[in-house]
PDB file of N, CA and C in Angstrom:
ATOM      1  N   UNK A   1      16.797  -0.780  -7.200  1.00  0.00           N
ATOM      2  CA  UNK A   1      15.771  -1.174  -6.267  1.00  0.00           C
ATOM      3  C   UNK A   1      15.646  -2.693  -6.205  1.00  0.00           C
ATOM      4  N   UNK A   2      15.965  -3.358  -7.338  1.00  0.00           N
ATOM      5  CA  UNK A   2      15.883  -4.814  -7.333  1.00  0.00           C
ATOM      6  C   UNK A   2      16.887  -5.427  -6.372  1.00  0.00           C
ATOM      7  N   UNK A   3      18.085  -4.825  -6.296  1.00  0.00           N
ATOM      8  CA  UNK A   3      19.093  -5.319  -5.352  1.00  0.00           C
ATOM      9  C   UNK A   3      18.608  -5.181  -3.924  1.00  0.00           C
ATOM     10  N   UNK A   4      17.929  -4.088  -3.642  1.00  0.00           N
ATOM     11  CA  UNK A   4      17.396  -3.868  -2.296  1.00  0.00           C
ATOM     12  C   UNK A   4      16.398  -4.952  -1.938  1.00  0.00           C
ATOM     13  N   UNK A   5      15.518  -5.280  -2.884  1.00  0.00           N
ATOM     14  CA  UNK A   5      14.540  -6.342  -2.634  1.00  0.00           C
ATOM     15  C   UNK A   5      15.244  -7.676  -2.419  1.00  0.00           C
ATOM     16  N   UNK A   6      16.329  -7.902  -3.137  1.00  0.00           N
ATOM     17  CA  UNK A   6      17.083  -9.143  -2.955  1.00  0.00           C
ATOM     18  C   UNK A   6      17.701  -9.195  -1.561  1.00  0.00           C
ATOM     19  N   UNK A   7      18.247  -8.077  -1.108  1.00  0.00           N
ATOM     20  CA  UNK A   7      18.825  -8.045   0.241  1.00  0.00           C
ATOM     21  C   UNK A   7      17.753  -8.277   1.306  1.00  0.00           C
ATOM     22  N   UNK A   8      16.598  -7.672   1.110  1.00  0.00           N
ATOM     23  CA  UNK A   8      15.503  -7.859   2.067  1.00  0.00           C
ATOM     24  C   UNK A   8      15.066  -9.322   2.074  1.00  0.00           C
ATOM     25  N   UNK A   9      15.004  -9.932   0.892  1.00  0.00           N
ATOM     26  CA  UNK A   9      14.637 -11.348   0.814  1.00  0.00           C
ATOM     27  C   UNK A   9      15.688 -12.217   1.504  1.00  0.00           C
ATOM     28  N   UNK A  10      16.967 -11.843   1.372  1.00  0.00           N
ATOM     29  CA  UNK A  10      18.026 -12.602   2.054  1.00  0.00           C
ATOM     30  C   UNK A  10      17.884 -12.488   3.569  1.00  0.00           C
ATOM     31  N   UNK A  11      17.544 -11.306   4.052  1.00  0.00           N
ATOM     32  CA  UNK A  11      17.332 -11.129   5.491  1.00  0.00           C
ATOM     33  C   UNK A  11      16.170 -12.003   5.953  1.00  0.00           C
ATOM     34  N   UNK A  12      15.088 -12.005   5.184  1.00  0.00           N
ATOM     35  CA  UNK A  12      13.940 -12.842   5.515  1.00  0.00           C
ATOM     36  C   UNK A  12      14.293 -14.318   5.501  1.00  0.00           C
ATOM     37  N   UNK A  13      15.083 -14.734   4.525  1.00  0.00           N
ATOM     38  CA  UNK A  13      15.526 -16.127   4.464  1.00  0.00           C
ATOM     39  C   UNK A  13      16.389 -16.500   5.647  1.00  0.00           C
ATOM     40  N   UNK A  14      17.286 -15.598   6.038  1.00  0.00           N
ATOM     41  CA  UNK A  14      18.142 -15.870   7.195  1.00  0.00           C
ATOM     42  C   UNK A  14      17.321 -15.967   8.472  1.00  0.00           C
ATOM     43  N   UNK A  15      16.336 -15.090   8.633  1.00  0.00           N
ATOM     44  CA  UNK A  15      15.476 -15.163   9.816  1.00  0.00           C
ATOM     45  C   UNK A  15      14.659 -16.450   9.822  1.00  0.00           C
ATOM     46  N   UNK A  16      14.168 -16.841   8.633  1.00  0.00           N
ATOM     47  CA  UNK A  16      13.430 -18.093   8.531  1.00  0.00           C
ATOM     48  C   UNK A  16      14.301 -19.294   8.879  1.00  0.00           C
ATOM     49  N   UNK A  17      15.541 -19.286   8.411  1.00  0.00           N
ATOM     50  CA  UNK A  17      16.463 -20.371   8.735  1.00  0.00           C
ATOM     51  C   UNK A  17      16.773 -20.395  10.227  1.00  0.00           C
ATOM     52  N   UNK A  18      16.911 -19.219  10.822  1.00  0.00           N
ATOM     53  CA  UNK A  18      17.162 -19.141  12.261  1.00  0.00           C
ATOM     54  C   UNK A  18      15.968 -19.686  13.036  1.00  0.00           C
ATOM     55  N   UNK A  19      14.772 -19.382  12.585  1.00  0.00           N
ATOM     56  CA  UNK A  19      13.560 -19.907  13.220  1.00  0.00           C
ATOM     57  C   UNK A  19      13.534 -21.434  13.152  1.00  0.00           C
ATOM     58  N   UNK A  20      13.845 -21.997  11.981  1.00  0.00           N
ATOM     59  CA  UNK A  20      13.871 -23.451  11.836  1.00  0.00           C
ATOM     60  C   UNK A  20      14.966 -24.079  12.705  1.00  0.00           C
ATOM     61  N   UNK A  21      16.099 -23.410  12.815  1.00  0.00           N
ATOM     62  CA  UNK A  21      17.179 -23.911  13.670  1.00  0.00           C
ATOM     63  C   UNK A  21      16.738 -23.951  15.126  1.00  0.00           C
ATOM     64  N   UNK A  22      16.118 -22.868  15.583  1.00  0.00           N
ATOM     65  CA  UNK A  22      15.619 -22.849  16.963  1.00  0.00           C
ATOM     66  C   UNK A  22      14.576 -23.936  17.192  1.00  0.00           C
ATOM     67  N   UNK A  23      13.697 -24.127  16.217  1.00  0.00           N
ATOM     68  CA  UNK A  23      12.674 -25.154  16.358  1.00  0.00           C
ATOM     69  C   UNK A  23      13.280 -26.547  16.396  1.00  0.00           C
ATOM     70  N   UNK A  24      14.351 -26.776  15.636  1.00  0.00           N
ATOM     71  CA  UNK A  24      14.987 -28.092  15.652  1.00  0.00           C
ATOM     72  C   UNK A  24      15.664 -28.370  16.986  1.00  0.00           C
ATOM     73  N   UNK A  25      16.054 -27.321  17.683  1.00  0.00           N
ATOM     74  CA  UNK A  25      16.645 -27.482  19.016  1.00  0.00           C
ATOM     75  C   UNK A  25      15.583 -27.602  20.100  1.00  0.00           C
ATOM     76  N   UNK A  26      14.327 -27.381  19.714  1.00  0.00           N
ATOM     77  CA  UNK A  26      13.241 -27.417  20.687  1.00  0.00           C
ATOM     78  C   UNK A  26      13.122 -26.119  21.463  1.00  0.00           C
ATOM     79  N   UNK A  27      13.750 -25.079  20.965  1.00  0.00           N
ATOM     80  CA  UNK A  27      13.735 -23.769  21.603  1.00  0.00           C
ATOM     81  C   UNK A  27      12.639 -22.937  20.949  1.00  0.00           C
ATOM     82  N   UNK A  28      11.618 -22.601  21.694  1.00  0.00           N
ATOM     83  CA  UNK A  28      10.471 -21.879  21.151  1.00  0.00           C
ATOM     84  C   UNK A  28      10.364 -20.512  21.812  1.00  0.00           C
ATOM     85  N   UNK A  29      10.376 -19.473  21.013  1.00  0.00           N
ATOM     86  CA  UNK A  29      10.175 -18.110  21.492  1.00  0.00           C
ATOM     87  C   UNK A  29       8.835 -17.654  20.931  1.00  0.00           C
ATOM     88  N   UNK A  30       7.946 -17.229  21.802  1.00  0.00           N
ATOM     89  CA  UNK A  30       6.582 -16.892  21.379  1.00  0.00           C
ATOM     90  C   UNK A  30       6.542 -15.800  20.322  1.00  0.00           C
ATOM     91  N   UNK A  31       7.317 -14.759  20.473  1.00  0.00           N
ATOM     92  CA  UNK A  31       7.223 -13.615  19.577  1.00  0.00           C
ATOM     93  C   UNK A  31       8.003 -13.817  18.280  1.00  0.00           C
ATOM     94  N   UNK A  32       8.860 -14.836  18.217  1.00  0.00           N
ATOM     95  CA  UNK A  32       9.660 -15.092  17.011  1.00  0.00           C
ATOM     96  C   UNK A  32       9.030 -16.241  16.236  1.00  0.00           C
ATOM     97  N   UNK A  33       8.175 -15.906  15.285  1.00  0.00           N
ATOM     98  CA  UNK A  33       7.496 -16.919  14.483  1.00  0.00           C
ATOM     99  C   UNK A  33       7.376 -16.420  13.047  1.00  0.00           C
ATOM    100  N   UNK A  34       6.720 -17.205  12.201  1.00  0.00           N
ATOM    101  CA  UNK A  34       6.602 -16.827  10.790  1.00  0.00           C
ATOM    102  C   UNK A  34       5.859 -15.509  10.598  1.00  0.00           C
ATOM    103  N   UNK A  35       4.866 -15.269  11.421  1.00  0.00           N
ATOM    104  CA  UNK A  35       4.107 -14.015  11.287  1.00  0.00           C
ATOM    105  C   UNK A  35       4.962 -12.801  11.603  1.00  0.00           C
ATOM    106  N   UNK A  36       5.783 -12.871  12.647  1.00  0.00           N
ATOM    107  CA  UNK A  36       6.625 -11.721  12.976  1.00  0.00           C
ATOM    108  C   UNK A  36       7.718 -11.525  11.923  1.00  0.00           C
ATOM    109  N   UNK A  37       8.235 -12.624  11.379  1.00  0.00           N
ATOM    110  CA  UNK A  37       9.238 -12.507  10.319  1.00  0.00           C
ATOM    111  C   UNK A  37       8.617 -11.842   9.094  1.00  0.00           C
ATOM    112  N   UNK A  38       7.430 -12.287   8.699  1.00  0.00           N
ATOM    113  CA  UNK A  38       6.750 -11.685   7.546  1.00  0.00           C
ATOM    114  C   UNK A  38       6.424 -10.215   7.794  1.00  0.00           C
ATOM    115  N   UNK A  39       6.018  -9.889   8.998  1.00  0.00           N
ATOM    116  CA  UNK A  39       5.724  -8.492   9.333  1.00  0.00           C
ATOM    117  C   UNK A  39       6.984  -7.642   9.247  1.00  0.00           C
ATOM    118  N   UNK A  40       8.105  -8.172   9.722  1.00  0.00           N
ATOM    119  CA  UNK A  40       9.373  -7.441   9.668  1.00  0.00           C
ATOM    120  C   UNK A  40       9.811  -7.229   8.222  1.00  0.00           C
ATOM    121  N   UNK A  41       9.655  -8.256   7.390  1.00  0.00           N
ATOM    122  CA  UNK A  41      10.023  -8.133   5.981  1.00  0.00           C
ATOM    123  C   UNK A  41       9.117  -7.106   5.290  1.00  0.00           C
ATOM    124  N   UNK A  42       7.838  -7.122   5.596  1.00  0.00           N
ATOM    125  CA  UNK A  42       6.924  -6.117   5.035  1.00  0.00           C
ATOM    126  C   UNK A  42       7.317  -4.711   5.472  1.00  0.00           C
ATOM    127  N   UNK A  43       7.718  -4.580   6.723  1.00  0.00           N
ATOM    128  CA  UNK A  43       8.180  -3.286   7.232  1.00  0.00           C
ATOM    129  C   UNK A  43       9.409  -2.815   6.456  1.00  0.00           C
ATOM    130  N   UNK A  44      10.381  -3.713   6.277  1.00  0.00           N
ATOM    131  CA  UNK A  44      11.585  -3.343   5.531  1.00  0.00           C
ATOM    132  C   UNK A  44      11.255  -2.989   4.083  1.00  0.00           C
ATOM    133  N   UNK A  45      10.341  -3.737   3.477  1.00  0.00           N
ATOM    134  CA  UNK A  45       9.954  -3.474   2.100  1.00  0.00           C
ATOM    135  C   UNK A  45       9.329  -2.087   1.963  1.00  0.00           C
ATOM    136  N   UNK A  46       8.678  -1.614   2.995  1.00  0.00           N
ATOM    137  CA  UNK A  46       8.058  -0.289   2.955  1.00  0.00           C
ATOM    138  C   UNK A  46       9.034   0.812   3.356  1.00  0.00           C
ATOM    139  N   UNK A  47       9.870   0.559   4.352  1.00  0.00           N
ATOM    140  CA  UNK A  47      10.706   1.626   4.907  1.00  0.00           C
ATOM    141  C   UNK A  47      11.951   1.909   4.056  1.00  0.00           C
ATOM    142  N   UNK A  48      12.509   0.907   3.415  1.00  0.00           N
ATOM    143  CA  UNK A  48      13.738   1.117   2.639  1.00  0.00           C
ATOM    144  C   UNK A  48      13.502   2.068   1.465  1.00  0.00           C
ATOM    145  N   UNK A  49      12.458   1.881   0.648  1.00  0.00           N
ATOM    146  CA  UNK A  49      12.221   2.880  -0.411  1.00  0.00           C
ATOM    147  C   UNK A  49      11.959   4.285   0.142  1.00  0.00           C
ATOM    148  N   UNK A  50      11.303   4.356   1.288  1.00  0.00           N
ATOM    149  CA  UNK A  50      11.089   5.661   1.914  1.00  0.00           C
ATOM    150  C   UNK A  50      12.421   6.307   2.279  1.00  0.00           C
ATOM    151  N   UNK A  51      13.340   5.514   2.797  1.00  0.00           N
ATOM    152  CA  UNK A  51      14.663   6.055   3.149  1.00  0.00           C
ATOM    153  C   UNK A  51      15.404   6.544   1.908  1.00  0.00           C
ATOM    154  N   UNK A  52      15.305   5.782   0.806  1.00  0.00           N
ATOM    155  CA  UNK A  52      15.923   6.231  -0.441  1.00  0.00           C
ATOM    156  C   UNK A  52      15.320   7.553  -0.911  1.00  0.00           C
ATOM    157  N   UNK A  53      14.009   7.662  -0.813  1.00  0.00           N
ATOM    158  CA  UNK A  53      13.337   8.893  -1.228  1.00  0.00           C
ATOM    159  C   UNK A  53      13.753  10.062  -0.341  1.00  0.00           C
ATOM    160  N   UNK A  54      13.799   9.846   0.969  1.00  0.00           N
ATOM    161  CA  UNK A  54      14.209  10.915   1.885  1.00  0.00           C
ATOM    162  C   UNK A  54      15.654  11.321   1.645  1.00  0.00           C
ATOM    163  N   UNK A  55      16.509  10.349   1.355  1.00  0.00           N
ATOM    164  CA  UNK A  55      17.904  10.660   1.054  1.00  0.00           C
ATOM    165  C   UNK A  55      18.001  11.499  -0.228  1.00  0.00           C
ATOM    166  N   UNK A  56      17.188  11.153  -1.223  1.00  0.00           N
ATOM    167  CA  UNK A  56      17.169  11.931  -2.461  1.00  0.00           C
ATOM    168  C   UNK A  56      16.725  13.359  -2.225  1.00  0.00           C
ATOM    169  N   UNK A  57      15.722  13.531  -1.406  1.00  0.00           N
ATOM    170  CA  UNK A  57      15.262  14.881  -1.060  1.00  0.00           C
ATOM    171  C   UNK A  57      16.360  15.629  -0.319  1.00  0.00           C
ATOM    172  N   UNK A  58      17.011  14.953   0.611  1.00  0.00           N
ATOM    173  CA  UNK A  58      18.092  15.576   1.375  1.00  0.00           C
ATOM    174  C   UNK A  58      19.229  16.022   0.448  1.00  0.00           C
ATOM    175  N   UNK A  59      19.614  15.152  -0.483  1.00  0.00           N
ATOM    176  CA  UNK A  59      20.729  15.486  -1.374  1.00  0.00           C
ATOM    177  C   UNK A  59      20.374  16.619  -2.329  1.00  0.00           C
ATOM    178  N   UNK A  60      19.101  16.792  -2.637  1.00  0.00           N
ATOM    179  CA  UNK A  60      18.689  17.836  -3.565  1.00  0.00           C
ATOM    180  C   UNK A  60      18.229  19.106  -2.859  1.00  0.00           C
ATOM    181  N   UNK A  61      18.381  19.153  -1.560  1.00  0.00           N
ATOM    182  CA  UNK A  61      17.972  20.317  -0.779  1.00  0.00           C
ATOM    183  C   UNK A  61      19.157  21.259  -0.647  1.00  0.00           C
ATOM    184  N   UNK A  62      18.953  22.535  -0.943  1.00  0.00           N
ATOM    185  CA  UNK A  62      20.049  23.496  -0.902  1.00  0.00           C
ATOM    186  C   UNK A  62      20.009  24.387   0.334  1.00  0.00           C
ATOM    187  N   UNK A  63      19.285  24.013   1.347  1.00  0.00           N
ATOM    188  CA  UNK A  63      19.167  24.895   2.501  1.00  0.00           C
ATOM    189  C   UNK A  63      19.784  24.308   3.767  1.00  0.00           C
ATOM    190  N   UNK A  64      20.442  23.169   3.667  1.00  0.00           N
ATOM    191  CA  UNK A  64      20.882  22.482   4.873  1.00  0.00           C
ATOM    192  C   UNK A  64      22.271  22.885   5.355  1.00  0.00           C
ATOM    193  N   UNK A  65      23.206  23.087   4.454  1.00  0.00           N
ATOM    194  CA  UNK A  65      24.575  23.388   4.868  1.00  0.00           C
ATOM    195  C   UNK A  65      25.054  24.670   4.194  1.00  0.00           C
ATOM    196  N   UNK A  66      26.136  25.221   4.722  1.00  0.00           N
ATOM    197  CA  UNK A  66      26.714  26.432   4.130  1.00  0.00           C
ATOM    198  C   UNK A  66      27.222  26.155   2.721  1.00  0.00           C
ATOM    199  N   UNK A  67      27.836  24.993   2.537  1.00  0.00           N
ATOM    200  CA  UNK A  67      28.334  24.637   1.215  1.00  0.00           C
ATOM    201  C   UNK A  67      27.189  24.578   0.215  1.00  0.00           C
ATOM    202  N   UNK A  68      26.078  24.011   0.625  1.00  0.00           N
ATOM    203  CA  UNK A  68      24.915  23.912  -0.259  1.00  0.00           C
ATOM    204  C   UNK A  68      24.344  25.292  -0.566  1.00  0.00           C
ATOM    205  N   UNK A  69      24.350  26.181   0.420  1.00  0.00           N
ATOM    206  CA  UNK A  69      23.846  27.537   0.192  1.00  0.00           C
ATOM    207  C   UNK A  69      24.728  28.277  -0.809  1.00  0.00           C
ATOM    208  N   UNK A  70      26.053  28.096  -0.695  1.00  0.00           N
ATOM    209  CA  UNK A  70      26.967  28.721  -1.651  1.00  0.00           C
ATOM    210  C   UNK A  70      26.743  28.164  -3.050  1.00  0.00           C
ATOM    211  N   UNK A  71      26.544  26.851  -3.108  1.00  0.00           N
ATOM    212  CA  UNK A  71      26.302  26.210  -4.405  1.00  0.00           C
ATOM    213  C   UNK A  71      25.012  26.728  -5.021  1.00  0.00           C
ATOM    214  N   UNK A  72      23.999  26.946  -4.227  1.00  0.00           N
ATOM    215  CA  UNK A  72      22.734  27.483  -4.724  1.00  0.00           C
ATOM    216  C   UNK A  72      22.947  28.883  -5.297  1.00  0.00           C
ATOM    217  N   UNK A  73      23.742  29.672  -4.593  1.00  0.00           N
ATOM    218  CA  UNK A  73      24.031  31.020  -5.084  1.00  0.00           C
ATOM    219  C   UNK A  73      24.746  31.002  -6.435  1.00  0.00           C
ATOM    220  N   UNK A  74      25.708  30.109  -6.581  1.00  0.00           N
ATOM    221  CA  UNK A  74      26.429  29.987  -7.843  1.00  0.00           C
ATOM    222  C   UNK A  74      25.480  29.549  -8.959  1.00  0.00           C
ATOM    223  N   UNK A  75      24.606  28.606  -8.656  1.00  0.00           N
ATOM    224  CA  UNK A  75      23.653  28.153  -9.670  1.00  0.00           C
ATOM    225  C   UNK A  75      22.716  29.265 -10.096  1.00  0.00           C
ATOM    226  N   UNK A  76      22.293  30.087  -9.124  1.00  0.00           N
ATOM    227  CA  UNK A  76      21.412  31.215  -9.465  1.00  0.00           C
ATOM    228  C   UNK A  76      22.138  32.234 -10.337  1.00  0.00           C
ATOM    229  N   UNK A  77      23.420  32.509 -10.031  1.00  0.00           N
ATOM    230  CA  UNK A  77      24.192  33.468 -10.815  1.00  0.00           C
ATOM    231  C   UNK A  77      24.382  32.977 -12.259  1.00  0.00           C
ATOM    232  N   UNK A  78      24.510  31.665 -12.407  1.00  0.00           N
ATOM    233  CA  UNK A  78      24.718  31.105 -13.742  1.00  0.00           C
ATOM    234  C   UNK A  78      23.396  30.878 -14.470  1.00  0.00           C
ATOM    235  N   UNK A  79      22.307  31.176 -13.822  1.00  0.00           N
ATOM    236  CA  UNK A  79      20.996  31.015 -14.450  1.00  0.00           C
ATOM    237  C   UNK A  79      20.553  29.573 -14.555  1.00  0.00           C
ATOM    238  N   UNK A  80      21.123  28.713 -13.749  1.00  0.00           N
ATOM    239  CA  UNK A  80      20.772  27.294 -13.792  1.00  0.00           C
ATOM    240  C   UNK A  80      19.677  26.930 -12.773  1.00  0.00           C
ATOM    241  N   UNK A  81      19.319  27.917 -11.987  1.00  0.00           N
ATOM    242  CA  UNK A  81      18.278  27.643 -10.998  1.00  0.00           C
ATOM    243  C   UNK A  81      17.314  28.812 -10.943  1.00  0.00           C
TER     244      UNK A  81
END
């Protein structure tokens, strides 16, 4: 999870650098400012762990594919489930 936070911080840093570059050129976009960058980073900080959790649930679900259903049956026969 620490690597994920580092990647999110790198994205935020790149967006911040892009904002400063645009400002140095005198190019101003109303919706692209520090507040929107911070909001986007906060969104990523919240959504990425959710995606990891959903992926974990998906990988541990035995009802989605035929292969998973067969695997569930084998686990039940072996008394592991």
